[in-house]
Amino acid sequence: MVDHGLRRVNNFMIDRPVPAPHHRHPAATQL
């Protein structure tokens, strides 16, 4: 259960900085 929670947090953090810098590129956000 702990591993799943950590994984969810990591995914959330990674998902945040990814679309942020690639906000100019709509195609990159979809990828």
N, C-alpha and C. Protein backbone atom coordinates (compact mmCIF):
# COMPACT_ATOMS: atom_id res chain seq x y z
N MET A 1 0.85 -1.21 0.00
CA MET A 1 0.00 0.00 0.00
C MET A 1 0.89 1.25 0.00
N VAL A 2 1.93 1.22 0.79
CA VAL A 2 2.82 2.39 0.85
C VAL A 2 3.47 2.62 -0.51
N ASP A 3 3.91 1.53 -1.15
CA ASP A 3 4.56 1.67 -2.46
C ASP A 3 3.60 2.31 -3.45
N HIS A 4 2.33 1.86 -3.41
CA HIS A 4 1.34 2.40 -4.34
C HIS A 4 1.16 3.91 -4.12
N GLY A 5 1.13 4.31 -2.86
CA GLY A 5 0.95 5.73 -2.55
C GLY A 5 2.14 6.55 -3.04
N LEU A 6 3.35 6.04 -2.80
CA LEU A 6 4.54 6.75 -3.26
C LEU A 6 4.53 6.86 -4.78
N ARG A 7 4.13 5.77 -5.42
CA ARG A 7 4.11 5.79 -6.89
C ARG A 7 3.13 6.85 -7.38
N ARG A 8 2.00 6.93 -6.70
CA ARG A 8 0.98 7.92 -7.11
C ARG A 8 1.54 9.34 -6.96
N VAL A 9 2.26 9.57 -5.87
CA VAL A 9 2.84 10.90 -5.63
C VAL A 9 3.88 11.21 -6.70
N ASN A 10 4.72 10.24 -7.02
CA ASN A 10 5.75 10.44 -8.04
C ASN A 10 5.11 10.77 -9.38
N ASN A 11 4.08 10.01 -9.74
CA ASN A 11 3.39 10.24 -11.01
C ASN A 11 2.79 11.65 -11.03
N PHE A 12 2.19 12.05 -9.91
CA PHE A 12 1.57 13.39 -9.84
C PHE A 12 2.63 14.47 -10.02
N MET A 13 3.76 14.32 -9.34
CA MET A 13 4.84 15.32 -9.43
C MET A 13 5.41 15.36 -10.84
N ILE A 14 5.57 14.17 -11.44
CA ILE A 14 6.14 14.10 -12.79
C ILE A 14 5.13 14.66 -13.80
N ASP A 15 3.85 14.35 -13.57
CA ASP A 15 2.82 14.83 -14.50
C ASP A 15 2.69 16.35 -14.45
N ARG A 16 3.06 16.94 -13.33
CA ARG A 16 2.93 18.40 -13.18
C ARG A 16 4.01 19.15 -13.97
N PRO A 17 5.29 18.86 -13.74
CA PRO A 17 6.37 19.57 -14.45
C PRO A 17 6.42 19.24 -15.94
N VAL A 18 5.80 18.16 -16.35
CA VAL A 18 5.84 17.79 -17.77
C VAL A 18 5.00 18.74 -18.62
N PRO A 19 3.71 18.91 -18.30
CA PRO A 19 2.85 19.79 -19.08
C PRO A 19 3.14 21.27 -18.82
N ALA A 20 3.79 21.58 -17.72
CA ALA A 20 4.09 22.98 -17.41
C ALA A 20 5.07 23.58 -18.43
N PRO A 21 6.28 23.02 -18.57
CA PRO A 21 7.25 23.55 -19.52
C PRO A 21 6.83 23.32 -20.97
N HIS A 22 5.98 22.32 -21.18
CA HIS A 22 5.53 22.01 -22.55
C HIS A 22 4.14 22.60 -22.80
N HIS A 23 3.85 23.68 -22.07
CA HIS A 23 2.53 24.30 -22.22
C HIS A 23 2.40 24.90 -23.63
N ARG A 24 3.53 25.36 -24.17
CA ARG A 24 3.50 25.97 -25.51
C ARG A 24 3.19 24.92 -26.58
N HIS A 25 3.60 23.68 -26.30
CA HIS A 25 3.39 22.60 -27.28
C HIS A 25 2.19 21.74 -26.86
N PRO A 26 1.06 21.90 -27.50
CA PRO A 26 -0.13 21.10 -27.17
C PRO A 26 0.10 19.62 -27.49
N ALA A 27 0.87 19.34 -28.51
CA ALA A 27 1.16 17.95 -28.90
C ALA A 27 1.97 17.26 -27.80
N ALA A 28 2.92 17.97 -27.22
CA ALA A 28 3.77 17.39 -26.17
C ALA A 28 2.93 17.06 -24.94
N THR A 29 1.93 17.90 -24.68
CA THR A 29 1.08 17.66 -23.49
C THR A 29 0.32 16.36 -23.67
N GLN A 30 -0.14 16.10 -24.89
CA GLN A 30 -0.89 14.87 -25.13
C GLN A 30 0.02 13.66 -24.94
N LEU A 31 1.25 13.76 -25.38
CA LEU A 31 2.19 12.65 -25.26
C LEU A 31 2.52 12.45 -23.78
